Amino acid sequence: MAGDSKQPAGPAIFPGMLRKQIEIPPEAAQAFVRDMKAFFKAKGQFMQDEIAAKQLWLLKEHLPHGTKLRTSDVKELFLQMKDQA
């Protein structure tokens, strides 16, 4: 729609969600990449879940209050960004 300011900023990571750019500190971004690498090296589902849950908690500190984000969303984000790191 013309003049609509709610346009996605590029391809949506999560289908159906409009993307808003968020600012996170460099340390948080580095921790995300470090945890993503650990996620793919983890042996077993339990360790992967633990890593994703930790990163979920850290990411929520930098998201607007009330933002819905689940552990499965973090895992999907790890998978989509696997070749970016």
Protein backbone atom coordinates (compact mmCIF):
# COMPACT_ATOMS: atom_id res chain seq x y z
CA MET A 1 0.00 0.00 0.00
CA ALA A 2 1.38 3.43 -0.91
CA GLY A 3 2.68 5.38 2.08
CA ASP A 4 2.51 2.34 4.37
CA SER A 5 5.47 2.59 6.76
CA LYS A 6 5.26 -1.07 7.85
CA GLN A 7 7.23 -2.55 4.98
CA PRO A 8 9.60 -5.43 5.75
CA ALA A 9 13.27 -4.47 5.80
CA GLY A 10 14.40 -7.18 3.39
CA PRO A 11 13.47 -10.86 3.43
CA ALA A 12 11.67 -11.93 6.59
CA ILE A 13 13.56 -14.33 8.81
CA PHE A 14 10.31 -15.54 10.34
CA PRO A 15 7.49 -15.91 7.80
CA GLY A 16 4.60 -13.57 8.44
CA MET A 17 6.58 -11.20 10.63
CA LEU A 18 7.47 -7.66 9.69
CA ARG A 19 11.12 -6.98 10.40
CA LYS A 20 12.27 -4.00 12.34
CA GLN A 21 15.96 -3.41 12.63
CA ILE A 22 17.17 -3.62 16.20
CA GLU A 23 20.35 -2.34 17.69
CA ILE A 24 22.29 -4.79 19.79
CA PRO A 25 25.69 -4.17 21.34
CA PRO A 26 28.71 -5.68 19.56
CA GLU A 27 29.30 -7.98 22.53
CA ALA A 28 25.79 -9.43 22.16
CA ALA A 29 26.31 -9.98 18.42
CA GLN A 30 29.64 -11.70 19.09
CA ALA A 31 27.98 -13.89 21.73
CA PHE A 32 25.28 -14.81 19.21
CA VAL A 33 27.86 -15.93 16.64
CA ARG A 34 29.86 -17.81 19.29
CA ASP A 35 26.70 -19.60 20.50
CA MET A 36 25.64 -20.34 16.92
CA LYS A 37 28.97 -22.07 16.27
CA ALA A 38 28.64 -23.99 19.53
CA PHE A 39 25.08 -24.98 18.54
CA PHE A 40 26.33 -26.70 15.39
CA LYS A 41 29.20 -28.40 17.23
CA ALA A 42 26.96 -29.61 20.07
CA LYS A 43 26.50 -33.31 20.45
CA GLY A 44 22.84 -34.03 20.88
CA GLN A 45 19.51 -32.27 20.96
CA PHE A 46 19.70 -31.42 24.66
CA MET A 47 22.90 -29.38 24.27
CA GLN A 48 21.49 -27.60 21.21
CA ASP A 49 18.32 -26.75 23.14
CA GLU A 50 20.38 -25.43 26.05
CA ILE A 51 22.44 -23.17 23.76
CA ALA A 52 19.36 -21.88 21.94
CA ALA A 53 17.56 -21.20 25.25
CA LYS A 54 20.56 -19.23 26.55
CA GLN A 55 20.69 -17.16 23.37
CA LEU A 56 16.92 -16.59 23.53
CA TRP A 57 17.30 -15.12 26.99
CA LEU A 58 20.19 -12.88 25.85
CA LEU A 59 18.37 -11.70 22.72
CA LYS A 60 15.22 -10.81 24.64
CA GLU A 61 17.25 -8.30 26.64
CA HIS A 62 17.62 -6.26 23.42
CA LEU A 63 14.15 -6.68 21.93
CA PRO A 64 11.16 -4.43 22.61
CA HIS A 65 9.07 -5.50 25.60
CA GLY A 66 6.41 -8.02 24.64
CA THR A 67 8.24 -9.33 21.57
CA LYS A 68 7.35 -12.97 21.01
CA LEU A 69 10.43 -15.09 20.47
CA ARG A 70 10.71 -18.82 21.12
CA THR A 71 13.60 -21.25 21.36
CA SER A 72 12.49 -22.73 18.03
CA ASP A 73 12.79 -19.25 16.47
CA VAL A 74 16.39 -18.97 17.68
CA LYS A 75 17.17 -22.43 16.26
CA GLU A 76 15.68 -21.39 12.91
CA LEU A 77 17.74 -18.21 13.00
CA PHE A 78 20.88 -20.27 13.67
CA LEU A 79 20.05 -22.50 10.70
CA GLN A 80 19.39 -19.58 8.36
CA MET A 81 22.59 -17.81 9.38
CA LYS A 82 24.81 -20.90 9.45
CA ASP A 83 26.76 -19.95 6.31
CA GLN A 84 27.00 -16.26 7.26
CA ALA A 85 29.43 -16.64 10.17
